[in-house]
PDB file of all heavy atoms in Angstrom:
ATOM      1  N   ASN A   1      98.376  91.119  94.483  1.00  0.00           N
ATOM      2  CA  ASN A   1      98.701  92.546  94.342  1.00  0.00           C
ATOM      3  C   ASN A   1     100.200  92.797  94.267  1.00  0.00           C
ATOM      4  O   ASN A   1     100.650  93.925  94.413  1.00  0.00           O
ATOM      5  CB  ASN A   1      98.111  93.338  95.514  1.00  0.00           C
ATOM      6  CG  ASN A   1      96.595  93.310  95.513  1.00  0.00           C
ATOM      7  OD1 ASN A   1      95.975  93.160  94.468  1.00  0.00           O
ATOM      8  ND2 ASN A   1      95.990  93.446  96.673  1.00  0.00           N
ATOM      9  N   THR A   2     100.984  91.733  94.071  1.00  0.00           N
ATOM     10  CA  THR A   2     102.434  91.860  93.973  1.00  0.00           C
ATOM     11  C   THR A   2     102.924  91.352  92.612  1.00  0.00           C
ATOM     12  O   THR A   2     102.164  90.759  91.844  1.00  0.00           O
ATOM     13  CB  THR A   2     103.152  91.049  95.074  1.00  0.00           C
ATOM     14  OG1 THR A   2     103.068  89.646  94.755  1.00  0.00           O
ATOM     15  CG2 THR A   2     102.539  91.305  96.445  1.00  0.00           C
ATOM     16  N   ALA A   3     104.217  91.583  92.333  1.00  0.00           N
ATOM     17  CA  ALA A   3     104.815  91.084  91.090  1.00  0.00           C
ATOM     18  C   ALA A   3     104.815  89.569  91.031  1.00  0.00           C
ATOM     19  O   ALA A   3     104.975  88.984  89.952  1.00  0.00           O
ATOM     20  CB  ALA A   3     106.242  91.619  90.966  1.00  0.00           C
ATOM     21  N   PHE A   4     104.613  88.907  92.169  1.00  0.00           N
ATOM     22  CA  PHE A   4     104.604  87.445  92.200  1.00  0.00           C
ATOM     23  C   PHE A   4     103.284  86.863  91.696  1.00  0.00           C
ATOM     24  O   PHE A   4     103.143  85.635  91.633  1.00  0.00           O
ATOM     25  CB  PHE A   4     104.912  86.945  93.615  1.00  0.00           C
ATOM     26  CG  PHE A   4     106.375  86.934  93.944  1.00  0.00           C
ATOM     27  CD1 PHE A   4     107.048  88.103  94.230  1.00  0.00           C
ATOM     28  CD2 PHE A   4     107.097  85.744  93.938  1.00  0.00           C
ATOM     29  CE1 PHE A   4     108.407  88.104  94.517  1.00  0.00           C
ATOM     30  CE2 PHE A   4     108.448  85.732  94.226  1.00  0.00           C
ATOM     31  CZ  PHE A   4     109.111  86.908  94.505  1.00  0.00           C
ATOM     32  N   ASP A   5     102.335  87.696  91.333  1.00  0.00           N
ATOM     33  CA  ASP A   5     101.083  87.168  90.780  1.00  0.00           C
ATOM     34  C   ASP A   5     101.325  86.490  89.435  1.00  0.00           C
ATOM     35  O   ASP A   5     100.506  85.704  88.969  1.00  0.00           O
ATOM     36  CB  ASP A   5     100.031  88.268  90.645  1.00  0.00           C
ATOM     37  CG  ASP A   5     100.399  89.310  89.587  1.00  0.00           C
ATOM     38  OD1 ASP A   5     101.600  89.425  89.265  1.00  0.00           O
ATOM     39  OD2 ASP A   5      99.505  90.013  89.102  1.00  0.00           O
ATOM     40  N   ALA A   6     102.485  86.778  88.815  1.00  0.00           N
ATOM     41  CA  ALA A   6     102.830  86.147  87.530  1.00  0.00           C
ATOM     42  C   ALA A   6     103.400  84.747  87.714  1.00  0.00           C
ATOM     43  O   ALA A   6     103.673  84.062  86.723  1.00  0.00           O
ATOM     44  CB  ALA A   6     103.842  87.019  86.788  1.00  0.00           C
ATOM     45  N   TYR A   7     103.578  84.320  88.975  1.00  0.00           N
ATOM     46  CA  TYR A   7     104.182  83.019  89.263  1.00  0.00           C
ATOM     47  C   TYR A   7     103.231  82.179  90.117  1.00  0.00           C
ATOM     48  O   TYR A   7     103.308  82.211  91.351  1.00  0.00           O
ATOM     49  CB  TYR A   7     105.519  83.204  89.988  1.00  0.00           C
ATOM     50  CG  TYR A   7     106.517  84.001  89.200  1.00  0.00           C
ATOM     51  CD1 TYR A   7     106.649  85.369  89.390  1.00  0.00           C
ATOM     52  CD2 TYR A   7     107.326  83.382  88.253  1.00  0.00           C
ATOM     53  CE1 TYR A   7     107.557  86.108  88.645  1.00  0.00           C
ATOM     54  CE2 TYR A   7     108.248  84.111  87.516  1.00  0.00           C
ATOM     55  CZ  TYR A   7     108.352  85.472  87.720  1.00  0.00           C
ATOM     56  OH  TYR A   7     109.255  86.192  86.987  1.00  0.00           O
ATOM     57  N   PRO A   8     102.318  81.429  89.477  1.00  0.00           N
ATOM     58  CA  PRO A   8     101.402  80.570  90.247  1.00  0.00           C
ATOM     59  C   PRO A   8     102.190  79.555  91.074  1.00  0.00           C
ATOM     60  O   PRO A   8     103.179  78.985  90.613  1.00  0.00           O
ATOM     61  CB  PRO A   8     100.585  79.870  89.158  1.00  0.00           C
ATOM     62  CG  PRO A   8     100.705  80.755  87.953  1.00  0.00           C
ATOM     63  CD  PRO A   8     102.070  81.357  88.026  1.00  0.00           C
ATOM     64  N   LEU A   9     101.752  79.319  92.279  1.00  0.00           N
ATOM     65  CA  LEU A   9     102.443  78.392  93.174  1.00  0.00           C
ATOM     66  C   LEU A   9     102.332  76.955  92.681  1.00  0.00           C
ATOM     67  O   LEU A   9     101.275  76.528  92.213  1.00  0.00           O
ATOM     68  CB  LEU A   9     101.842  78.486  94.577  1.00  0.00           C
ATOM     69  CG  LEU A   9     102.052  79.809  95.330  1.00  0.00           C
ATOM     70  CD1 LEU A   9     101.206  79.824  96.599  1.00  0.00           C
ATOM     71  CD2 LEU A   9     103.510  80.012  95.672  1.00  0.00           C
ATOM     72  N   CYS A  10     103.438  76.226  92.793  1.00  0.00           N
ATOM     73  CA  CYS A  10     103.398  74.790  92.515  1.00  0.00           C
ATOM     74  C   CYS A  10     102.652  74.101  93.660  1.00  0.00           C
ATOM     75  O   CYS A  10     102.339  74.726  94.687  1.00  0.00           O
ATOM     76  CB  CYS A  10     104.815  74.232  92.362  1.00  0.00           C
ATOM     77  SG  CYS A  10     105.801  74.291  93.888  1.00  0.00           S
ATOM     78  N   ASP A  11     102.366  72.812  93.495  1.00  0.00           N
ATOM     79  CA  ASP A  11     101.581  72.088  94.505  1.00  0.00           C
ATOM     80  C   ASP A  11     102.244  72.128  95.885  1.00  0.00           C
ATOM     81  O   ASP A  11     101.562  72.321  96.905  1.00  0.00           O
ATOM     82  CB  ASP A  11     101.381  70.631  94.076  1.00  0.00           C
ATOM     83  CG  ASP A  11     100.439  70.506  92.884  1.00  0.00           C
ATOM     84  OD1 ASP A  11      99.723  71.477  92.594  1.00  0.00           O
ATOM     85  OD2 ASP A  11     100.429  69.437  92.246  1.00  0.00           O
ATOM     86  N   GLN A  12     103.581  71.948  95.923  1.00  0.00           N
ATOM     87  CA  GLN A  12     104.271  71.921  97.219  1.00  0.00           C
ATOM     88  C   GLN A  12     104.261  73.279  97.894  1.00  0.00           C
ATOM     89  O   GLN A  12     104.024  73.384  99.099  1.00  0.00           O
ATOM     90  CB  GLN A  12     105.708  71.429  97.034  1.00  0.00           C
ATOM     91  CG  GLN A  12     105.823  69.936  96.791  1.00  0.00           C
ATOM     92  CD  GLN A  12     107.261  69.491  96.654  1.00  0.00           C
ATOM     93  OE1 GLN A  12     107.899  69.690  95.621  1.00  0.00           O
ATOM     94  NE2 GLN A  12     107.789  68.906  97.701  1.00  0.00           N
ATOM     95  N   CYS A  13     104.505  74.344  97.129  1.00  0.00           N
ATOM     96  CA  CYS A  13     104.467  75.694  97.702  1.00  0.00           C
ATOM     97  C   CYS A  13     103.050  76.056  98.141  1.00  0.00           C
ATOM     98  O   CYS A  13     102.852  76.715  99.166  1.00  0.00           O
ATOM     99  CB  CYS A  13     104.991  76.718  96.699  1.00  0.00           C
ATOM    100  SG  CYS A  13     106.787  76.724  96.502  1.00  0.00           S
ATOM    101  N   TYR A  14     102.056  75.607  97.379  1.00  0.00           N
ATOM    102  CA  TYR A  14     100.662  75.896  97.735  1.00  0.00           C
ATOM    103  C   TYR A  14     100.281  75.237  99.058  1.00  0.00           C
ATOM    104  O   TYR A  14      99.592  75.839  99.890  1.00  0.00           O
ATOM    105  CB  TYR A  14      99.735  75.427  96.624  1.00  0.00           C
ATOM    106  CG  TYR A  14      98.276  75.763  96.864  1.00  0.00           C
ATOM    107  CD1 TYR A  14      97.855  77.091  96.940  1.00  0.00           C
ATOM    108  CD2 TYR A  14      97.322  74.759  97.029  1.00  0.00           C
ATOM    109  CE1 TYR A  14      96.528  77.402  97.169  1.00  0.00           C
ATOM    110  CE2 TYR A  14      95.993  75.055  97.256  1.00  0.00           C
ATOM    111  CZ  TYR A  14      95.599  76.383  97.331  1.00  0.00           C
ATOM    112  OH  TYR A  14      94.276  76.696  97.569  1.00  0.00           O
ATOM    113  N   GLU A  15     100.757  74.011  99.261  1.00  0.00           N
ATOM    114  CA  GLU A  15     100.487  73.334 100.529  1.00  0.00           C
ATOM    115  C   GLU A  15     101.134  74.081 101.690  1.00  0.00           C
ATOM    116  O   GLU A  15     100.549  74.218 102.769  1.00  0.00           O
ATOM    117  CB  GLU A  15     100.994  71.889 100.472  1.00  0.00           C
ATOM    118  CG  GLU A  15     100.121  70.961  99.645  1.00  0.00           C
ATOM    119  CD  GLU A  15      98.683  70.922 100.132  1.00  0.00           C
ATOM    120  OE1 GLU A  15      98.474  70.780 101.353  1.00  0.00           O
ATOM    121  OE2 GLU A  15      97.769  71.057  99.293  1.00  0.00           O
ATOM    122  N   GLU A  16     102.365  74.561 101.492  1.00  0.00           N
ATOM    123  CA  GLU A  16     103.042  75.354 102.538  1.00  0.00           C
ATOM    124  C   GLU A  16     102.273  76.640 102.808  1.00  0.00           C
ATOM    125  O   GLU A  16     102.130  77.068 103.960  1.00  0.00           O
ATOM    126  CB  GLU A  16     104.470  75.694 102.092  1.00  0.00           C
ATOM    127  CG  GLU A  16     105.395  74.497 102.031  1.00  0.00           C
ATOM    128  CD  GLU A  16     106.750  74.855 101.456  1.00  0.00           C
ATOM    129  OE1 GLU A  16     106.861  75.872 100.730  1.00  0.00           O
ATOM    130  OE2 GLU A  16     107.717  74.123 101.725  1.00  0.00           O
ATOM    131  N   TYR A  17     101.783  77.274 101.759  1.00  0.00           N
ATOM    132  CA  TYR A  17     101.051  78.539 101.875  1.00  0.00           C
ATOM    133  C   TYR A  17      99.768  78.365 102.688  1.00  0.00           C
ATOM    134  O   TYR A  17      99.359  79.270 103.416  1.00  0.00           O
ATOM    135  CB  TYR A  17     100.733  79.056 100.475  1.00  0.00           C
ATOM    136  CG  TYR A  17     100.080  80.415 100.433  1.00  0.00           C
ATOM    137  CD1 TYR A  17     100.842  81.578 100.440  1.00  0.00           C
ATOM    138  CD2 TYR A  17      98.681  80.546 100.383  1.00  0.00           C
ATOM    139  CE1 TYR A  17     100.239  82.826 100.397  1.00  0.00           C
ATOM    140  CE2 TYR A  17      98.079  81.788 100.343  1.00  0.00           C
ATOM    141  CZ  TYR A  17      98.864  82.929 100.345  1.00  0.00           C
ATOM    142  OH  TYR A  17      98.264  84.166 100.309  1.00  0.00           O
ATOM    143  N   ARG A  18      99.142  77.187 102.588  1.00  0.00           N
ATOM    144  CA  ARG A  18      97.872  76.935 103.265  1.00  0.00           C
ATOM    145  C   ARG A  18      98.039  76.343 104.659  1.00  0.00           C
ATOM    146  O   ARG A  18      97.108  76.387 105.467  1.00  0.00           O
ATOM    147  CB  ARG A  18      97.014  75.993 102.420  1.00  0.00           C
ATOM    148  CG  ARG A  18      96.573  76.561 101.110  1.00  0.00           C
ATOM    149  CD  ARG A  18      95.832  75.542 100.264  1.00  0.00           C
ATOM    150  NE  ARG A  18      94.600  75.087 100.906  1.00  0.00           N
ATOM    151  CZ  ARG A  18      94.384  73.846 101.291  1.00  0.00           C
ATOM    152  NH1 ARG A  18      95.308  72.920 101.123  1.00  0.00           N
ATOM    153  NH2 ARG A  18      93.246  73.514 101.866  1.00  0.00           N
ATOM    154  N   ASP A  19      99.209  75.773 104.952  1.00  0.00           N
ATOM    155  CA  ASP A  19      99.431  75.065 106.210  1.00  0.00           C
ATOM    156  C   ASP A  19      99.719  76.057 107.339  1.00  0.00           C
ATOM    157  O   ASP A  19     100.761  76.697 107.377  1.00  0.00           O
ATOM    158  CB  ASP A  19     100.608  74.097 106.050  1.00  0.00           C
ATOM    159  CG  ASP A  19     100.865  73.280 107.305  1.00  0.00           C
ATOM    160  OD1 ASP A  19     100.122  73.443 108.297  1.00  0.00           O
ATOM    161  OD2 ASP A  19     101.819  72.479 107.290  1.00  0.00           O
ATOM    162  N   MET A  20      98.770  76.177 108.276  1.00  0.00           N
ATOM    163  CA  MET A  20      98.898  77.152 109.352  1.00  0.00           C
ATOM    164  C   MET A  20     100.114  76.891 110.244  1.00  0.00           C
ATOM    165  O   MET A  20     100.597  77.792 110.915  1.00  0.00           O
ATOM    166  CB  MET A  20      97.614  77.150 110.189  1.00  0.00           C
ATOM    167  CG  MET A  20      97.395  78.432 110.962  1.00  0.00           C
ATOM    168  SD  MET A  20      97.272  79.882 109.894  1.00  0.00           S
ATOM    169  CE  MET A  20      95.746  79.543 109.021  1.00  0.00           C
ATOM    170  N   ASN A  21     100.621  75.676 110.256  1.00  0.00           N
ATOM    171  CA  ASN A  21     101.782  75.356 111.098  1.00  0.00           C
ATOM    172  C   ASN A  21     103.112  75.514 110.366  1.00  0.00           C
ATOM    173  O   ASN A  21     104.162  75.260 110.938  1.00  0.00           O
ATOM    174  CB  ASN A  21     101.655  73.917 111.621  1.00  0.00           C
ATOM    175  CG  ASN A  21     100.487  73.757 112.567  1.00  0.00           C
ATOM    176  OD1 ASN A  21     100.295  74.584 113.457  1.00  0.00           O
ATOM    177  ND2 ASN A  21      99.695  72.714 112.380  1.00  0.00           N
ATOM    178  N   ASN A  22     103.057  75.917 109.109  1.00  0.00           N
ATOM    179  CA  ASN A  22     104.264  76.099 108.309  1.00  0.00           C
ATOM    180  C   ASN A  22     104.697  77.556 108.360  1.00  0.00           C
ATOM    181  O   ASN A  22     103.851  78.453 108.318  1.00  0.00           O
ATOM    182  CB  ASN A  22     103.988  75.678 106.859  1.00  0.00           C
ATOM    183  CG  ASN A  22     105.252  75.544 106.042  1.00  0.00           C
ATOM    184  OD1 ASN A  22     105.942  76.514 105.746  1.00  0.00           O
ATOM    185  ND2 ASN A  22     105.579  74.311 105.673  1.00  0.00           N
ATOM    186  N   ARG A  23     106.003  77.803 108.432  1.00  0.00           N
ATOM    187  CA  ARG A  23     106.452  79.193 108.539  1.00  0.00           C
ATOM    188  C   ARG A  23     106.256  79.977 107.237  1.00  0.00           C
ATOM    189  O   ARG A  23     106.472  81.192 107.199  1.00  0.00           O
ATOM    190  CB  ARG A  23     107.908  79.261 108.990  1.00  0.00           C
ATOM    191  CG  ARG A  23     108.956  79.002 107.942  1.00  0.00           C
ATOM    192  CD  ARG A  23     110.361  79.306 108.527  1.00  0.00           C
ATOM    193  NE  ARG A  23     111.325  79.600 107.506  1.00  0.00           N
ATOM    194  CZ  ARG A  23     111.956  78.694 106.770  1.00  0.00           C
ATOM    195  NH1 ARG A  23     111.717  77.413 106.978  1.00  0.00           N
ATOM    196  NH2 ARG A  23     112.821  79.059 105.854  1.00  0.00           N
ATOM    197  N   ARG A  24     105.835  79.300 106.180  1.00  0.00           N
ATOM    198  CA  ARG A  24     105.542  79.985 104.912  1.00  0.00           C
ATOM    199  C   ARG A  24     104.042  80.188 104.701  1.00  0.00           C
ATOM    200  O   ARG A  24     103.623  80.608 103.625  1.00  0.00           O
ATOM    201  CB  ARG A  24     106.150  79.210 103.736  1.00  0.00           C
ATOM    202  CG  ARG A  24     107.661  79.316 103.688  1.00  0.00           C
ATOM    203  CD  ARG A  24     108.249  78.786 102.393  1.00  0.00           C
ATOM    204  NE  ARG A  24     109.643  79.169 102.295  1.00  0.00           N
ATOM    205  CZ  ARG A  24     110.662  78.440 102.742  1.00  0.00           C
ATOM    206  NH1 ARG A  24     110.423  77.267 103.316  1.00  0.00           N
ATOM    207  NH2 ARG A  24     111.895  78.870 102.630  1.00  0.00           N
ATOM    208  N   CYS A  25     103.233  79.885 105.709  1.00  0.00           N
ATOM    209  CA  CYS A  25     101.798  80.101 105.601  1.00  0.00           C
ATOM    210  C   CYS A  25     101.507  81.579 105.333  1.00  0.00           C
ATOM    211  O   CYS A  25     101.965  82.452 106.075  1.00  0.00           O
ATOM    212  CB  CYS A  25     101.092  79.648 106.879  1.00  0.00           C
ATOM    213  SG  CYS A  25      99.311  79.837 106.808  1.00  0.00           S
ATOM    214  N   HIS A  26     100.784  81.866 104.274  1.00  0.00           N
ATOM    215  CA  HIS A  26     100.457  83.240 103.860  1.00  0.00           C
ATOM    216  C   HIS A  26     101.715  84.064 103.569  1.00  0.00           C
ATOM    217  O   HIS A  26     101.694  85.279 103.691  1.00  0.00           O
ATOM    218  CB  HIS A  26      99.581  83.943 104.897  1.00  0.00           C
ATOM    219  CG  HIS A  26      98.166  83.477 104.901  1.00  0.00           C
ATOM    220  ND1 HIS A  26      97.267  83.797 103.909  1.00  0.00           N
ATOM    221  CD2 HIS A  26      97.499  82.675 105.757  1.00  0.00           C
ATOM    222  CE1 HIS A  26      96.105  83.228 104.166  1.00  0.00           C
ATOM    223  NE2 HIS A  26      96.211  82.528 105.280  1.00  0.00           N
ATOM    224  N   GLY A  27     102.799  83.387 103.182  1.00  0.00           N
ATOM    225  CA  GLY A  27     103.989  84.107 102.727  1.00  0.00           C
ATOM    226  C   GLY A  27     103.767  84.509 101.280  1.00  0.00           C
ATOM    227  O   GLY A  27     103.879  83.668 100.376  1.00  0.00           O
ATOM    228  N   GLU A  28     103.461  85.766 101.034  1.00  0.00           N
ATOM    229  CA  GLU A  28     103.005  86.187  99.707  1.00  0.00           C
ATOM    230  C   GLU A  28     104.082  86.067  98.630  1.00  0.00           C
ATOM    231  O   GLU A  28     103.773  86.020  97.444  1.00  0.00           O
ATOM    232  CB  GLU A  28     102.475  87.630  99.763  1.00  0.00           C
ATOM    233  CG  GLU A  28     101.430  87.894 100.838  1.00  0.00           C
ATOM    234  CD  GLU A  28     100.196  87.009 100.718  1.00  0.00           C
ATOM    235  OE1 GLU A  28      99.997  86.387  99.655  1.00  0.00           O
ATOM    236  OE2 GLU A  28      99.419  86.930 101.688  1.00  0.00           O
ATOM    237  N   THR A  29     105.364  86.031  99.001  1.00  0.00           N
ATOM    238  CA  THR A  29     106.434  85.975  98.002  1.00  0.00           C
ATOM    239  C   THR A  29     107.134  84.618  97.959  1.00  0.00           C
ATOM    240  O   THR A  29     108.205  84.501  97.352  1.00  0.00           O
ATOM    241  CB  THR A  29     107.483  87.066  98.271  1.00  0.00           C
ATOM    242  OG1 THR A  29     108.042  86.869  99.581  1.00  0.00           O
ATOM    243  CG2 THR A  29     106.875  88.450  98.198  1.00  0.00           C
ATOM    244  N   ILE A  30     106.557  83.597  98.577  1.00  0.00           N
ATOM    245  CA  ILE A  30     107.238  82.301  98.561  1.00  0.00           C
ATOM    246  C   ILE A  30     107.255  81.732  97.139  1.00  0.00           C
ATOM    247  O   ILE A  30     106.354  81.974  96.337  1.00  0.00           O
ATOM    248  CB  ILE A  30     106.608  81.289  99.543  1.00  0.00           C
ATOM    249  CG1 ILE A  30     105.189  80.899  99.115  1.00  0.00           C
ATOM    250  CG2 ILE A  30     106.621  81.828 100.949  1.00  0.00           C
ATOM    251  CD1 ILE A  30     104.643  79.708  99.873  1.00  0.00           C
ATOM    252  N   ALA A  31     108.308  80.988  96.824  1.00  0.00           N
ATOM    253  CA  ALA A  31     108.493  80.397  95.502  1.00  0.00           C
ATOM    254  C   ALA A  31     109.587  79.347  95.623  1.00  0.00           C
ATOM    255  O   ALA A  31     110.184  79.166  96.682  1.00  0.00           O
ATOM    256  CB  ALA A  31     108.870  81.465  94.485  1.00  0.00           C
ATOM    257  N   CYS A  32     109.849  78.658  94.524  1.00  0.00           N
ATOM    258  CA  CYS A  32     110.928  77.672  94.495  1.00  0.00           C
ATOM    259  C   CYS A  32     111.432  77.527  93.063  1.00  0.00           C
ATOM    260  O   CYS A  32     110.973  78.240  92.161  1.00  0.00           O
ATOM    261  CB  CYS A  32     110.445  76.324  95.052  1.00  0.00           C
ATOM    262  SG  CYS A  32     109.262  75.472  93.960  1.00  0.00           S
ATOM    263  N   HIS A  33     112.358  76.608  92.839  1.00  0.00           N
ATOM    264  CA  HIS A  33     112.902  76.399  91.498  1.00  0.00           C
ATOM    265  C   HIS A  33     111.816  76.074  90.482  1.00  0.00           C
ATOM    266  O   HIS A  33     111.942  76.412  89.300  1.00  0.00           O
ATOM    267  CB  HIS A  33     113.913  75.236  91.519  1.00  0.00           C
ATOM    268  CG  HIS A  33     115.156  75.524  92.290  1.00  0.00           C
ATOM    269  ND1 HIS A  33     116.094  76.445  91.881  1.00  0.00           N
ATOM    270  CD2 HIS A  33     115.624  75.005  93.461  1.00  0.00           C
ATOM    271  CE1 HIS A  33     117.094  76.477  92.755  1.00  0.00           C
ATOM    272  NE2 HIS A  33     116.825  75.622  93.722  1.00  0.00           N
ATOM    273  N   ASP A  34     110.741  75.416  90.930  1.00  0.00           N
ATOM    274  CA  ASP A  34     109.705  74.953  90.008  1.00  0.00           C
ATOM    275  C   ASP A  34     108.678  76.017  89.639  1.00  0.00           C
ATOM    276  O   ASP A  34     108.078  75.945  88.558  1.00  0.00           O
ATOM    277  CB  ASP A  34     108.966  73.750  90.608  1.00  0.00           C
ATOM    278  CG  ASP A  34     109.871  72.537  90.758  1.00  0.00           C
ATOM    279  OD1 ASP A  34     110.800  72.399  89.943  1.00  0.00           O
ATOM    280  OD2 ASP A  34     109.654  71.748  91.704  1.00  0.00           O
ATOM    281  N   CYS A  35     108.440  76.987  90.526  1.00  0.00           N
ATOM    282  CA  CYS A  35     107.332  77.913  90.266  1.00  0.00           C
ATOM    283  C   CYS A  35     107.696  79.389  90.374  1.00  0.00           C
ATOM    284  O   CYS A  35     106.853  80.248  90.090  1.00  0.00           O
ATOM    285  CB  CYS A  35     106.169  77.609  91.208  1.00  0.00           C
ATOM    286  SG  CYS A  35     106.521  77.895  92.969  1.00  0.00           S
ATOM    287  N   GLY A  36     108.908  79.727  90.772  1.00  0.00           N
ATOM    288  CA  GLY A  36     109.247  81.131  90.988  1.00  0.00           C
ATOM    289  C   GLY A  36     110.151  81.724  89.926  1.00  0.00           C
ATOM    290  O   GLY A  36     110.459  81.081  88.915  1.00  0.00           O
ATOM    291  N   PRO A  37     110.605  82.964  90.139  1.00  0.00           N
ATOM    292  CA  PRO A  37     111.564  83.595  89.227  1.00  0.00           C
ATOM    293  C   PRO A  37     112.844  82.770  89.149  1.00  0.00           C
ATOM    294  O   PRO A  37     113.195  82.066  90.090  1.00  0.00           O
ATOM    295  CB  PRO A  37     111.837  84.953  89.892  1.00  0.00           C
ATOM    296  CG  PRO A  37     110.717  85.167  90.838  1.00  0.00           C
ATOM    297  CD  PRO A  37     110.281  83.821  91.283  1.00  0.00           C
ATOM    298  N   ARG A  38     113.539  82.862  88.004  1.00  0.00           N
ATOM    299  CA  ARG A  38     114.756  82.079  87.815  1.00  0.00           C
ATOM    300  C   ARG A  38     115.947  82.985  87.536  1.00  0.00           C
ATOM    301  O   ARG A  38     115.798  84.098  87.038  1.00  0.00           O
ATOM    302  CB  ARG A  38     114.575  81.093  86.658  1.00  0.00           C
ATOM    303  CG  ARG A  38     113.475  80.087  86.933  1.00  0.00           C
ATOM    304  CD  ARG A  38     113.346  79.058  85.846  1.00  0.00           C
ATOM    305  NE  ARG A  38     112.270  78.118  86.131  1.00  0.00           N
ATOM    306  CZ  ARG A  38     111.962  77.096  85.357  1.00  0.00           C
ATOM    307  NH1 ARG A  38     112.639  76.883  84.238  1.00  0.00           N
ATOM    308  NH2 ARG A  38     110.975  76.283  85.688  1.00  0.00           N
ATOM    309  N   LEU A  39     117.131  82.466  87.863  1.00  0.00           N
ATOM    310  CA  LEU A  39     118.370  83.205  87.688  1.00  0.00           C
ATOM    311  C   LEU A  39     118.861  83.050  86.254  1.00  0.00           C
ATOM    312  O   LEU A  39     119.016  81.944  85.748  1.00  0.00           O
ATOM    313  CB  LEU A  39     119.426  82.672  88.661  1.00  0.00           C
ATOM    314  CG  LEU A  39     120.721  83.466  88.809  1.00  0.00           C
ATOM    315  CD1 LEU A  39     120.451  84.854  89.349  1.00  0.00           C
ATOM    316  CD2 LEU A  39     121.669  82.712  89.744  1.00  0.00           C
ATOM    317  N   LEU A  40     119.096  84.191  85.574  1.00  0.00           N
ATOM    318  CA  LEU A  40     119.603  84.203  84.216  1.00  0.00           C
ATOM    319  C   LEU A  40     120.794  85.142  84.132  1.00  0.00           C
ATOM    320  O   LEU A  40     120.975  86.013  84.979  1.00  0.00           O
ATOM    321  CB  LEU A  40     118.519  84.660  83.223  1.00  0.00           C
ATOM    322  CG  LEU A  40     117.264  83.782  83.103  1.00  0.00           C
ATOM    323  CD1 LEU A  40     116.235  84.469  82.231  1.00  0.00           C
ATOM    324  CD2 LEU A  40     117.612  82.415  82.547  1.00  0.00           C
ATOM    325  N   ALA A  41     121.598  84.990  83.092  1.00  0.00           N
ATOM    326  CA  ALA A  41     122.755  85.871  82.897  1.00  0.00           C
ATOM    327  C   ALA A  41     122.797  86.351  81.461  1.00  0.00           C
ATOM    328  O   ALA A  41     122.367  85.657  80.539  1.00  0.00           O
ATOM    329  CB  ALA A  41     124.047  85.138  83.237  1.00  0.00           C
ATOM    330  N   LYS A  42     123.348  87.552  81.261  1.00  0.00           N
ATOM    331  CA  LYS A  42     123.525  88.093  79.929  1.00  0.00           C
ATOM    332  C   LYS A  42     124.892  88.761  79.863  1.00  0.00           C
ATOM    333  O   LYS A  42     125.188  89.651  80.643  1.00  0.00           O
ATOM    334  CB  LYS A  42     122.427  89.102  79.602  1.00  0.00           C
ATOM    335  CG  LYS A  42     122.488  89.654  78.180  1.00  0.00           C
ATOM    336  CD  LYS A  42     121.315  90.561  77.905  1.00  0.00           C
ATOM    337  CE  LYS A  42     121.387  91.105  76.489  1.00  0.00           C
ATOM    338  NZ  LYS A  42     120.252  92.013  76.196  1.00  0.00           N
ATOM    339  N   MET A  43     125.740  88.293  78.966  1.00  0.00           N
ATOM    340  CA  MET A  43     127.065  88.875  78.808  1.00  0.00           C
ATOM    341  C   MET A  43     126.978  90.098  77.900  1.00  0.00           C
ATOM    342  O   MET A  43     126.137  90.169  77.003  1.00  0.00           O
ATOM    343  CB  MET A  43     128.026  87.847  78.190  1.00  0.00           C
ATOM    344  CG  MET A  43     128.268  86.624  79.062  1.00  0.00           C
ATOM    345  SD  MET A  43     129.095  86.988  80.615  1.00  0.00           S
ATOM    346  CE  MET A  43     130.743  87.343  80.004  1.00  0.00           C
ATOM    347  N   ARG A  44     127.837  91.069  78.142  1.00  0.00           N
ATOM    348  CA  ARG A  44     127.854  92.284  77.349  1.00  0.00           C
ATOM    349  C   ARG A  44     128.035  91.944  75.868  1.00  0.00           C
ATOM    350  O   ARG A  44     128.930  91.193  75.490  1.00  0.00           O
ATOM    351  CB  ARG A  44     128.989  93.206  77.821  1.00  0.00           C
ATOM    352  CG  ARG A  44     129.030  94.556  77.123  1.00  0.00           C
ATOM    353  CD  ARG A  44     129.991  95.483  77.821  1.00  0.00           C
ATOM    354  NE  ARG A  44     131.317  94.886  77.926  1.00  0.00           N
ATOM    355  CZ  ARG A  44     132.319  95.417  78.618  1.00  0.00           C
ATOM    356  NH1 ARG A  44     132.134  96.527  79.297  1.00  0.00           N
ATOM    357  NH2 ARG A  44     133.490  94.826  78.654  1.00  0.00           N
ATOM    358  N   GLY A  45     127.175  92.485  75.029  1.00  0.00           N
ATOM    359  CA  GLY A  45     127.262  92.218  73.596  1.00  0.00           C
ATOM    360  C   GLY A  45     126.436  91.029  73.150  1.00  0.00           C
ATOM    361  O   GLY A  45     126.235  90.819  71.964  1.00  0.00           O
TER     362      GLY A  45
END
């Protein structure tokens, strides 16, 4: 139900999401370089 639904979790993030002892368990916005939003730049013109 968030904008992160467009970014399926990679295997490592998915394991963190499912691991009850991990501080990212059920973290709905967790991501990383491999599966999340990326930093881009656009110069004027």
